[in-house]
């Protein structure tokens, strides 16, 4: 049998074991947290935090591109491509939320 295949199978089994142990650690917290309303509130808070974090990351990325274009290290076309990437990523998030509101609940 191929050595790489054996290592890959053991690594996969090891990762499954780690996920199972971590899941069992948080198992009691899920039941003691307060039910569906509390979970929905927590998920909403995490989502708002993540959007704020991603907004700051995107802002820093675009500022970096503009500064590099001003210093002639990058072209202005790279800035426009970066704006397109940011717009595409935002559109994916919005479309995901829309799809979830239509088919998810």
PDB file of N, CA and C in Angstrom:
ATOM      1  N   UNK A   1       0.841  -1.177   0.000  1.00  0.00           N
ATOM      2  CA  UNK A   1       0.000   0.000   0.000  1.00  0.00           C
ATOM      3  C   UNK A   1       0.891   1.247   0.000  1.00  0.00           C
ATOM      4  N   UNK A   2       0.444   2.286  -0.624  1.00  0.00           N
ATOM      5  CA  UNK A   2       1.199   3.518  -0.743  1.00  0.00           C
ATOM      6  C   UNK A   2       1.308   4.219   0.620  1.00  0.00           C
ATOM      7  N   UNK A   3       2.507   4.674   0.956  1.00  0.00           N
ATOM      8  CA  UNK A   3       2.746   5.310   2.255  1.00  0.00           C
ATOM      9  C   UNK A   3       1.955   6.613   2.376  1.00  0.00           C
ATOM     10  N   UNK A   4       1.885   7.384   1.303  1.00  0.00           N
ATOM     11  CA  UNK A   4       1.136   8.643   1.342  1.00  0.00           C
ATOM     12  C   UNK A   4      -0.349   8.411   1.582  1.00  0.00           C
ATOM     13  N   UNK A   5      -0.893   7.330   1.028  1.00  0.00           N
ATOM     14  CA  UNK A   5      -2.300   6.996   1.219  1.00  0.00           C
ATOM     15  C   UNK A   5      -2.579   6.634   2.680  1.00  0.00           C
ATOM     16  N   UNK A   6      -1.662   5.897   3.295  1.00  0.00           N
ATOM     17  CA  UNK A   6      -1.824   5.518   4.712  1.00  0.00           C
ATOM     18  C   UNK A   6      -1.778   6.760   5.595  1.00  0.00           C
ATOM     19  N   UNK A   7      -0.819   7.642   5.338  1.00  0.00           N
ATOM     20  CA  UNK A   7      -0.699   8.870   6.125  1.00  0.00           C
ATOM     21  C   UNK A   7      -1.945   9.725   5.950  1.00  0.00           C
ATOM     22  N   UNK A   8      -2.453   9.816   4.739  1.00  0.00           N
ATOM     23  CA  UNK A   8      -3.651  10.606   4.479  1.00  0.00           C
ATOM     24  C   UNK A   8      -4.854  10.065   5.240  1.00  0.00           C
ATOM     25  N   UNK A   9      -5.018   8.724   5.265  1.00  0.00           N
ATOM     26  CA  UNK A   9      -6.135   8.126   5.990  1.00  0.00           C
ATOM     27  C   UNK A   9      -6.007   8.362   7.489  1.00  0.00           C
ATOM     28  N   UNK A  10      -4.804   8.243   8.029  1.00  0.00           N
ATOM     29  CA  UNK A  10      -4.598   8.472   9.456  1.00  0.00           C
ATOM     30  C   UNK A  10      -4.827   9.932   9.816  1.00  0.00           C
ATOM     31  N   UNK A  11      -4.394  10.832   8.935  1.00  0.00           N
ATOM     32  CA  UNK A  11      -4.604  12.255   9.190  1.00  0.00           C
ATOM     33  C   UNK A  11      -6.087  12.583   9.176  1.00  0.00           C
ATOM     34  N   UNK A  12      -6.833  12.018   8.248  1.00  0.00           N
ATOM     35  CA  UNK A  12      -8.274  12.244   8.183  1.00  0.00           C
ATOM     36  C   UNK A  12      -8.956  11.697   9.428  1.00  0.00           C
ATOM     37  N   UNK A  13      -8.579  10.510   9.861  1.00  0.00           N
ATOM     38  CA  UNK A  13      -9.165   9.933  11.072  1.00  0.00           C
ATOM     39  C   UNK A  13      -8.798  10.763  12.291  1.00  0.00           C
ATOM     40  N   UNK A  14      -7.593  11.275  12.323  1.00  0.00           N
ATOM     41  CA  UNK A  14      -7.174  12.128  13.432  1.00  0.00           C
ATOM     42  C   UNK A  14      -7.960  13.425  13.485  1.00  0.00           C
ATOM     43  N   UNK A  15      -8.205  14.017  12.341  1.00  0.00           N
ATOM     44  CA  UNK A  15      -8.982  15.254  12.297  1.00  0.00           C
ATOM     45  C   UNK A  15     -10.417  15.008  12.741  1.00  0.00           C
ATOM     46  N   UNK A  16     -10.983  13.878  12.352  1.00  0.00           N
ATOM     47  CA  UNK A  16     -12.335  13.541  12.789  1.00  0.00           C
ATOM     48  C   UNK A  16     -12.384  13.359  14.293  1.00  0.00           C
ATOM     49  N   UNK A  17     -11.356  12.759  14.862  1.00  0.00           N
ATOM     50  CA  UNK A  17     -11.315  12.566  16.312  1.00  0.00           C
ATOM     51  C   UNK A  17     -11.202  13.901  17.036  1.00  0.00           C
ATOM     52  N   UNK A  18     -10.392  14.813  16.502  1.00  0.00           N
ATOM     53  CA  UNK A  18     -10.249  16.135  17.119  1.00  0.00           C
ATOM     54  C   UNK A  18     -11.563  16.892  17.072  1.00  0.00           C
ATOM     55  N   UNK A  19     -12.250  16.844  15.943  1.00  0.00           N
ATOM     56  CA  UNK A  19     -13.536  17.528  15.819  1.00  0.00           C
ATOM     57  C   UNK A  19     -14.557  16.933  16.776  1.00  0.00           C
ATOM     58  N   UNK A  20     -14.550  15.618  16.923  1.00  0.00           N
ATOM     59  CA  UNK A  20     -15.489  14.976  17.842  1.00  0.00           C
ATOM     60  C   UNK A  20     -15.222  15.375  19.288  1.00  0.00           C
ATOM     61  N   UNK A  21     -13.956  15.430  19.687  1.00  0.00           N
ATOM     62  CA  UNK A  21     -13.613  15.808  21.064  1.00  0.00           C
ATOM     63  C   UNK A  21     -13.987  17.257  21.329  1.00  0.00           C
ATOM     64  N   UNK A  22     -13.693  18.134  20.395  1.00  0.00           N
ATOM     65  CA  UNK A  22     -14.057  19.546  20.562  1.00  0.00           C
ATOM     66  C   UNK A  22     -15.573  19.693  20.598  1.00  0.00           C
ATOM     67  N   UNK A  23     -16.276  18.941  19.774  1.00  0.00           N
ATOM     68  CA  UNK A  23     -17.742  18.990  19.783  1.00  0.00           C
ATOM     69  C   UNK A  23     -18.323  18.531  21.102  1.00  0.00           C
ATOM     70  N   UNK A  24     -17.723  17.495  21.690  1.00  0.00           N
ATOM     71  CA  UNK A  24     -18.212  17.026  22.992  1.00  0.00           C
ATOM     72  C   UNK A  24     -17.932  18.034  24.099  1.00  0.00           C
ATOM     73  N   UNK A  25     -16.855  18.810  23.934  1.00  0.00           N
ATOM     74  CA  UNK A  25     -16.536  19.817  24.938  1.00  0.00           C
ATOM     75  C   UNK A  25     -17.607  20.905  24.969  1.00  0.00           C
ATOM     76  N   UNK A  26     -18.089  21.305  23.810  1.00  0.00           N
ATOM     77  CA  UNK A  26     -19.088  22.365  23.739  1.00  0.00           C
ATOM     78  C   UNK A  26     -20.517  21.842  23.770  1.00  0.00           C
ATOM     79  N   UNK A  27     -20.719  20.542  23.882  1.00  0.00           N
ATOM     80  CA  UNK A  27     -22.042  19.938  23.839  1.00  0.00           C
ATOM     81  C   UNK A  27     -22.937  20.449  24.965  1.00  0.00           C
ATOM     82  N   UNK A  28     -22.433  20.489  26.178  1.00  0.00           N
ATOM     83  CA  UNK A  28     -23.226  20.938  27.319  1.00  0.00           C
ATOM     84  C   UNK A  28     -23.550  22.420  27.235  1.00  0.00           C
ATOM     85  N   UNK A  29     -22.626  23.207  26.707  1.00  0.00           N
ATOM     86  CA  UNK A  29     -22.876  24.637  26.593  1.00  0.00           C
ATOM     87  C   UNK A  29     -24.032  24.916  25.632  1.00  0.00           C
ATOM     88  N   UNK A  30     -24.175  24.101  24.616  1.00  0.00           N
ATOM     89  CA  UNK A  30     -25.253  24.301  23.653  1.00  0.00           C
ATOM     90  C   UNK A  30     -26.613  24.080  24.304  1.00  0.00           C
ATOM     91  N   UNK A  31     -26.713  23.101  25.170  1.00  0.00           N
ATOM     92  CA  UNK A  31     -27.989  22.841  25.833  1.00  0.00           C
ATOM     93  C   UNK A  31     -28.260  23.811  26.975  1.00  0.00           C
ATOM     94  N   UNK A  32     -27.223  24.316  27.602  1.00  0.00           N
ATOM     95  CA  UNK A  32     -27.395  25.209  28.746  1.00  0.00           C
ATOM     96  C   UNK A  32     -27.482  26.677  28.340  1.00  0.00           C
ATOM     97  N   UNK A  33     -27.369  26.963  27.062  1.00  0.00           N
ATOM     98  CA  UNK A  33     -27.271  28.348  26.617  1.00  0.00           C
ATOM     99  C   UNK A  33     -28.591  29.095  26.691  1.00  0.00           C
ATOM    100  N   UNK A  34     -29.729  28.458  26.648  1.00  0.00           N
ATOM    101  CA  UNK A  34     -30.984  29.175  26.765  1.00  0.00           C
ATOM    102  C   UNK A  34     -31.938  28.958  25.618  1.00  0.00           C
ATOM    103  N   UNK A  35     -31.650  28.065  24.718  1.00  0.00           N
ATOM    104  CA  UNK A  35     -32.606  27.743  23.679  1.00  0.00           C
ATOM    105  C   UNK A  35     -32.350  28.453  22.365  1.00  0.00           C
ATOM    106  N   UNK A  36     -33.357  28.374  21.516  1.00  0.00           N
ATOM    107  CA  UNK A  36     -33.239  28.883  20.152  1.00  0.00           C
ATOM    108  C   UNK A  36     -33.127  30.402  20.107  1.00  0.00           C
ATOM    109  N   UNK A  37     -33.870  31.099  20.959  1.00  0.00           N
ATOM    110  CA  UNK A  37     -33.812  32.563  20.936  1.00  0.00           C
ATOM    111  C   UNK A  37     -32.416  33.063  21.302  1.00  0.00           C
ATOM    112  N   UNK A  38     -31.819  32.463  22.310  1.00  0.00           N
ATOM    113  CA  UNK A  38     -30.475  32.854  22.720  1.00  0.00           C
ATOM    114  C   UNK A  38     -29.462  32.546  21.627  1.00  0.00           C
ATOM    115  N   UNK A  39     -29.623  31.402  20.990  1.00  0.00           N
ATOM    116  CA  UNK A  39     -28.718  31.031  19.906  1.00  0.00           C
ATOM    117  C   UNK A  39     -28.857  31.990  18.729  1.00  0.00           C
ATOM    118  N   UNK A  40     -30.089  32.378  18.412  1.00  0.00           N
ATOM    119  CA  UNK A  40     -30.305  33.326  17.319  1.00  0.00           C
ATOM    120  C   UNK A  40     -29.674  34.672  17.638  1.00  0.00           C
ATOM    121  N   UNK A  41     -29.796  35.103  18.872  1.00  0.00           N
ATOM    122  CA  UNK A  41     -29.188  36.362  19.294  1.00  0.00           C
ATOM    123  C   UNK A  41     -27.667  36.290  19.178  1.00  0.00           C
ATOM    124  N   UNK A  42     -27.086  35.192  19.617  1.00  0.00           N
ATOM    125  CA  UNK A  42     -25.634  35.038  19.548  1.00  0.00           C
ATOM    126  C   UNK A  42     -25.149  35.005  18.101  1.00  0.00           C
ATOM    127  N   UNK A  43     -25.860  34.303  17.250  1.00  0.00           N
ATOM    128  CA  UNK A  43     -25.461  34.237  15.845  1.00  0.00           C
ATOM    129  C   UNK A  43     -25.566  35.607  15.191  1.00  0.00           C
ATOM    130  N   UNK A  44     -26.585  36.369  15.542  1.00  0.00           N
ATOM    131  CA  UNK A  44     -26.730  37.721  15.000  1.00  0.00           C
ATOM    132  C   UNK A  44     -25.581  38.615  15.453  1.00  0.00           C
ATOM    133  N   UNK A  45     -25.192  38.507  16.717  1.00  0.00           N
ATOM    134  CA  UNK A  45     -24.069  39.295  17.205  1.00  0.00           C
ATOM    135  C   UNK A  45     -22.771  38.910  16.503  1.00  0.00           C
ATOM    136  N   UNK A  46     -22.566  37.617  16.299  1.00  0.00           N
ATOM    137  CA  UNK A  46     -21.359  37.167  15.601  1.00  0.00           C
ATOM    138  C   UNK A  46     -21.370  37.666  14.164  1.00  0.00           C
ATOM    139  N   UNK A  47     -22.528  37.629  13.518  1.00  0.00           N
ATOM    140  CA  UNK A  47     -22.638  38.093  12.140  1.00  0.00           C
ATOM    141  C   UNK A  47     -22.333  39.586  12.042  1.00  0.00           C
ATOM    142  N   UNK A  48     -22.867  40.377  12.966  1.00  0.00           N
ATOM    143  CA  UNK A  48     -22.599  41.814  12.943  1.00  0.00           C
ATOM    144  C   UNK A  48     -21.123  42.101  13.186  1.00  0.00           C
ATOM    145  N   UNK A  49     -20.504  41.359  14.117  1.00  0.00           N
ATOM    146  CA  UNK A  49     -19.081  41.537  14.360  1.00  0.00           C
ATOM    147  C   UNK A  49     -18.272  41.176  13.117  1.00  0.00           C
ATOM    148  N   UNK A  50     -18.628  40.067  12.466  1.00  0.00           N
ATOM    149  CA  UNK A  50     -17.898  39.618  11.279  1.00  0.00           C
ATOM    150  C   UNK A  50     -18.031  40.625  10.140  1.00  0.00           C
ATOM    151  N   UNK A  51     -19.219  41.195   9.966  1.00  0.00           N
ATOM    152  CA  UNK A  51     -19.388  42.203   8.915  1.00  0.00           C
ATOM    153  C   UNK A  51     -18.538  43.433   9.203  1.00  0.00           C
ATOM    154  N   UNK A  52     -18.484  43.851  10.453  1.00  0.00           N
ATOM    155  CA  UNK A  52     -17.640  44.987  10.804  1.00  0.00           C
ATOM    156  C   UNK A  52     -16.170  44.693  10.561  1.00  0.00           C
ATOM    157  N   UNK A  53     -15.729  43.507  10.954  1.00  0.00           N
ATOM    158  CA  UNK A  53     -14.336  43.108  10.746  1.00  0.00           C
ATOM    159  C   UNK A  53     -14.004  43.053   9.258  1.00  0.00           C
ATOM    160  N   UNK A  54     -14.883  42.443   8.471  1.00  0.00           N
ATOM    161  CA  UNK A  54     -14.644  42.361   7.030  1.00  0.00           C
ATOM    162  C   UNK A  54     -14.670  43.742   6.378  1.00  0.00           C
ATOM    163  N   UNK A  55     -15.525  44.627   6.877  1.00  0.00           N
ATOM    164  CA  UNK A  55     -15.560  45.990   6.352  1.00  0.00           C
ATOM    165  C   UNK A  55     -14.244  46.716   6.582  1.00  0.00           C
ATOM    166  N   UNK A  56     -13.672  46.550   7.759  1.00  0.00           N
ATOM    167  CA  UNK A  56     -12.380  47.169   8.053  1.00  0.00           C
ATOM    168  C   UNK A  56     -11.289  46.561   7.180  1.00  0.00           C
ATOM    169  N   UNK A  57     -11.308  45.247   7.009  1.00  0.00           N
ATOM    170  CA  UNK A  57     -10.307  44.583   6.160  1.00  0.00           C
ATOM    171  C   UNK A  57     -10.393  45.073   4.719  1.00  0.00           C
ATOM    172  N   UNK A  58     -11.600  45.196   4.208  1.00  0.00           N
ATOM    173  CA  UNK A  58     -11.792  45.667   2.835  1.00  0.00           C
ATOM    174  C   UNK A  58     -11.320  47.109   2.694  1.00  0.00           C
ATOM    175  N   UNK A  59     -11.621  47.937   3.690  1.00  0.00           N
ATOM    176  CA  UNK A  59     -11.192  49.332   3.659  1.00  0.00           C
ATOM    177  C   UNK A  59      -9.666  49.426   3.639  1.00  0.00           C
ATOM    178  N   UNK A  60      -9.001  48.648   4.485  1.00  0.00           N
ATOM    179  CA  UNK A  60      -7.534  48.657   4.520  1.00  0.00           C
ATOM    180  C   UNK A  60      -6.971  48.153   3.197  1.00  0.00           C
ATOM    181  N   UNK A  61      -7.572  47.135   2.618  1.00  0.00           N
ATOM    182  CA  UNK A  61      -7.124  46.602   1.330  1.00  0.00           C
ATOM    183  C   UNK A  61      -7.221  47.656   0.228  1.00  0.00           C
ATOM    184  N   UNK A  62      -8.345  48.354   0.182  1.00  0.00           N
ATOM    185  CA  UNK A  62      -8.512  49.373  -0.859  1.00  0.00           C
ATOM    186  C   UNK A  62      -7.573  50.559  -0.635  1.00  0.00           C
ATOM    187  N   UNK A  63      -7.382  50.959   0.620  1.00  0.00           N
ATOM    188  CA  UNK A  63      -6.436  52.042   0.905  1.00  0.00           C
ATOM    189  C   UNK A  63      -5.024  51.627   0.488  1.00  0.00           C
ATOM    190  N   UNK A  64      -4.662  50.379   0.769  1.00  0.00           N
ATOM    191  CA  UNK A  64      -3.358  49.866   0.350  1.00  0.00           C
ATOM    192  C   UNK A  64      -3.201  49.962  -1.161  1.00  0.00           C
ATOM    193  N   UNK A  65      -4.220  49.551  -1.905  1.00  0.00           N
ATOM    194  CA  UNK A  65      -4.134  49.616  -3.367  1.00  0.00           C
ATOM    195  C   UNK A  65      -4.004  51.052  -3.865  1.00  0.00           C
ATOM    196  N   UNK A  66      -4.749  51.967  -3.269  1.00  0.00           N
ATOM    197  CA  UNK A  66      -4.686  53.365  -3.704  1.00  0.00           C
ATOM    198  C   UNK A  66      -3.311  53.953  -3.394  1.00  0.00           C
ATOM    199  N   UNK A  67      -2.787  53.687  -2.210  1.00  0.00           N
ATOM    200  CA  UNK A  67      -1.464  54.209  -1.853  1.00  0.00           C
ATOM    201  C   UNK A  67      -0.400  53.639  -2.782  1.00  0.00           C
ATOM    202  N   UNK A  68      -0.485  52.350  -3.074  1.00  0.00           N
ATOM    203  CA  UNK A  68       0.482  51.765  -3.995  1.00  0.00           C
ATOM    204  C   UNK A  68       0.362  52.352  -5.399  1.00  0.00           C
ATOM    205  N   UNK A  69      -0.849  52.683  -5.818  1.00  0.00           N
ATOM    206  CA  UNK A  69      -1.022  53.313  -7.130  1.00  0.00           C
ATOM    207  C   UNK A  69      -0.470  54.732  -7.114  1.00  0.00           C
ATOM    208  N   UNK A  70      -0.649  55.448  -6.012  1.00  0.00           N
ATOM    209  CA  UNK A  70      -0.099  56.798  -5.912  1.00  0.00           C
ATOM    210  C   UNK A  70       1.434  56.792  -5.911  1.00  0.00           C
ATOM    211  N   UNK A  71       2.026  55.750  -5.356  1.00  0.00           N
ATOM    212  CA  UNK A  71       3.485  55.624  -5.325  1.00  0.00           C
ATOM    213  C   UNK A  71       4.042  54.957  -6.580  1.00  0.00           C
ATOM    214  N   UNK A  72       3.177  54.697  -7.547  1.00  0.00           N
ATOM    215  CA  UNK A  72       3.542  54.049  -8.813  1.00  0.00           C
ATOM    216  C   UNK A  72       4.119  52.650  -8.620  1.00  0.00           C
ATOM    217  N   UNK A  73       3.705  51.974  -7.584  1.00  0.00           N
ATOM    218  CA  UNK A  73       4.091  50.576  -7.377  1.00  0.00           C
ATOM    219  C   UNK A  73       3.081  49.637  -8.031  1.00  0.00           C
ATOM    220  N   UNK A  74       1.863  50.104  -8.194  1.00  0.00           N
ATOM    221  CA  UNK A  74       0.807  49.356  -8.876  1.00  0.00           C
ATOM    222  C   UNK A  74       0.126  50.303  -9.851  1.00  0.00           C
ATOM    223  N   UNK A  75      -0.617  49.730 -10.763  1.00  0.00           N
ATOM    224  CA  UNK A  75      -1.343  50.542 -11.729  1.00  0.00           C
ATOM    225  C   UNK A  75      -2.744  50.837 -11.189  1.00  0.00           C
ATOM    226  N   UNK A  76      -3.358  51.886 -11.738  1.00  0.00           N
ATOM    227  CA  UNK A  76      -4.716  52.230 -11.314  1.00  0.00           C
ATOM    228  C   UNK A  76      -5.712  51.152 -11.747  1.00  0.00           C
ATOM    229  N   UNK A  77      -5.356  50.409 -12.766  1.00  0.00           N
ATOM    230  CA  UNK A  77      -6.215  49.286 -13.173  1.00  0.00           C
ATOM    231  C   UNK A  77      -6.291  48.243 -12.060  1.00  0.00           C
ATOM    232  N   UNK A  78      -5.196  48.079 -11.308  1.00  0.00           N
ATOM    233  CA  UNK A  78      -5.211  47.149 -10.168  1.00  0.00           C
ATOM    234  C   UNK A  78      -6.170  47.631  -9.089  1.00  0.00           C
ATOM    235  N   UNK A  79      -6.266  48.942  -8.913  1.00  0.00           N
ATOM    236  CA  UNK A  79      -7.217  49.493  -7.945  1.00  0.00           C
ATOM    237  C   UNK A  79      -8.641  49.189  -8.391  1.00  0.00           C
ATOM    238  N   UNK A  80      -8.915  49.364  -9.670  1.00  0.00           N
ATOM    239  CA  UNK A  80     -10.257  49.077 -10.182  1.00  0.00           C
ATOM    240  C   UNK A  80     -10.586  47.586 -10.063  1.00  0.00           C
ATOM    241  N   UNK A  81      -9.604  46.738 -10.309  1.00  0.00           N
ATOM    242  CA  UNK A  81      -9.823  45.297 -10.146  1.00  0.00           C
ATOM    243  C   UNK A  81     -10.104  44.981  -8.680  1.00  0.00           C
ATOM    244  N   UNK A  82      -9.380  45.628  -7.759  1.00  0.00           N
ATOM    245  CA  UNK A  82      -9.616  45.432  -6.330  1.00  0.00           C
ATOM    246  C   UNK A  82     -11.011  45.871  -5.921  1.00  0.00           C
ATOM    247  N   UNK A  83     -11.464  47.002  -6.457  1.00  0.00           N
ATOM    248  CA  UNK A  83     -12.835  47.452  -6.180  1.00  0.00           C
ATOM    249  C   UNK A  83     -13.843  46.442  -6.717  1.00  0.00           C
ATOM    250  N   UNK A  84     -13.556  45.885  -7.875  1.00  0.00           N
ATOM    251  CA  UNK A  84     -14.437  44.850  -8.434  1.00  0.00           C
ATOM    252  C   UNK A  84     -14.484  43.609  -7.560  1.00  0.00           C
ATOM    253  N   UNK A  85     -13.329  43.195  -7.036  1.00  0.00           N
ATOM    254  CA  UNK A  85     -13.301  42.041  -6.133  1.00  0.00           C
ATOM    255  C   UNK A  85     -14.122  42.304  -4.877  1.00  0.00           C
ATOM    256  N   UNK A  86     -13.969  43.506  -4.335  1.00  0.00           N
ATOM    257  CA  UNK A  86     -14.714  43.858  -3.122  1.00  0.00           C
ATOM    258  C   UNK A  86     -16.218  43.870  -3.410  1.00  0.00           C
ATOM    259  N   UNK A  87     -16.595  44.440  -4.539  1.00  0.00           N
ATOM    260  CA  UNK A  87     -18.012  44.478  -4.902  1.00  0.00           C
ATOM    261  C   UNK A  87     -18.558  43.069  -5.124  1.00  0.00           C
ATOM    262  N   UNK A  88     -17.773  42.215  -5.745  1.00  0.00           N
ATOM    263  CA  UNK A  88     -18.198  40.835  -5.978  1.00  0.00           C
ATOM    264  C   UNK A  88     -18.356  40.083  -4.664  1.00  0.00           C
ATOM    265  N   UNK A  89     -17.416  40.273  -3.746  1.00  0.00           N
ATOM    266  CA  UNK A  89     -17.520  39.608  -2.443  1.00  0.00           C
ATOM    267  C   UNK A  89     -18.749  40.099  -1.675  1.00  0.00           C
ATOM    268  N   UNK A  90     -19.016  41.393  -1.730  1.00  0.00           N
ATOM    269  CA  UNK A  90     -20.216  41.928  -1.081  1.00  0.00           C
ATOM    270  C   UNK A  90     -21.487  41.401  -1.715  1.00  0.00           C
ATOM    271  N   UNK A  91     -21.480  41.272  -3.025  1.00  0.00           N
ATOM    272  CA  UNK A  91     -22.665  40.746  -3.716  1.00  0.00           C
ATOM    273  C   UNK A  91     -22.912  39.292  -3.352  1.00  0.00           C
ATOM    274  N   UNK A  92     -21.850  38.522  -3.166  1.00  0.00           N
ATOM    275  CA  UNK A  92     -22.012  37.126  -2.775  1.00  0.00           C
ATOM    276  C   UNK A  92     -22.652  37.033  -1.394  1.00  0.00           C
ATOM    277  N   UNK A  93     -22.221  37.895  -0.476  1.00  0.00           N
ATOM    278  CA  UNK A  93     -22.808  37.892   0.870  1.00  0.00           C
ATOM    279  C   UNK A  93     -24.281  38.262   0.810  1.00  0.00           C
ATOM    280  N   UNK A  94     -24.604  39.296   0.052  1.00  0.00           N
ATOM    281  CA  UNK A  94     -26.001  39.731  -0.059  1.00  0.00           C
ATOM    282  C   UNK A  94     -26.853  38.662  -0.722  1.00  0.00           C
ATOM    283  N   UNK A  95     -26.352  38.026  -1.762  1.00  0.00           N
ATOM    284  CA  UNK A  95     -27.118  36.978  -2.430  1.00  0.00           C
ATOM    285  C   UNK A  95     -27.297  35.759  -1.518  1.00  0.00           C
ATOM    286  N   UNK A  96     -26.298  35.457  -0.709  1.00  0.00           N
ATOM    287  CA  UNK A  96     -26.431  34.357   0.238  1.00  0.00           C
ATOM    288  C   UNK A  96     -27.507  34.623   1.271  1.00  0.00           C
ATOM    289  N   UNK A  97     -27.546  35.843   1.800  1.00  0.00           N
ATOM    290  CA  UNK A  97     -28.597  36.196   2.766  1.00  0.00           C
ATOM    291  C   UNK A  97     -29.970  36.181   2.106  1.00  0.00           C
ATOM    292  N   UNK A  98     -30.045  36.655   0.871  1.00  0.00           N
ATOM    293  CA  UNK A  98     -31.332  36.649   0.178  1.00  0.00           C
ATOM    294  C   UNK A  98     -31.808  35.215  -0.039  1.00  0.00           C
ATOM    295  N   UNK A  99     -30.889  34.341  -0.486  1.00  0.00           N
ATOM    296  CA  UNK A  99     -31.270  32.951  -0.725  1.00  0.00           C
ATOM    297  C   UNK A  99     -31.697  32.278   0.566  1.00  0.00           C
ATOM    298  N   UNK A 100     -31.027  32.593   1.671  1.00  0.00           N
ATOM    299  CA  UNK A 100     -31.386  32.010   2.953  1.00  0.00           C
ATOM    300  C   UNK A 100     -32.774  32.490   3.401  1.00  0.00           C
ATOM    301  N   UNK A 101     -33.077  33.767   3.135  1.00  0.00           N
ATOM    302  CA  UNK A 101     -34.392  34.286   3.532  1.00  0.00           C
ATOM    303  C   UNK A 101     -35.501  33.675   2.681  1.00  0.00           C
ATOM    304  N   UNK A 102     -35.208  33.320   1.434  1.00  0.00           N
ATOM    305  CA  UNK A 102     -36.228  32.733   0.579  1.00  0.00           C
ATOM    306  C   UNK A 102     -36.403  31.243   0.848  1.00  0.00           C
ATOM    307  N   UNK A 103     -35.296  30.487   0.879  1.00  0.00           N
ATOM    308  CA  UNK A 103     -35.409  29.037   0.968  1.00  0.00           C
ATOM    309  C   UNK A 103     -35.011  28.467   2.313  1.00  0.00           C
ATOM    310  N   UNK A 104     -34.340  29.240   3.163  1.00  0.00           N
ATOM    311  CA  UNK A 104     -33.789  28.683   4.378  1.00  0.00           C
ATOM    312  C   UNK A 104     -34.747  28.587   5.531  1.00  0.00           C
ATOM    313  N   UNK A 105     -35.719  29.480   5.591  1.00  0.00           N
ATOM    314  CA  UNK A 105     -36.581  29.439   6.778  1.00  0.00           C
ATOM    315  C   UNK A 105     -38.031  29.649   6.414  1.00  0.00           C
TER     316      UNK A 105
END
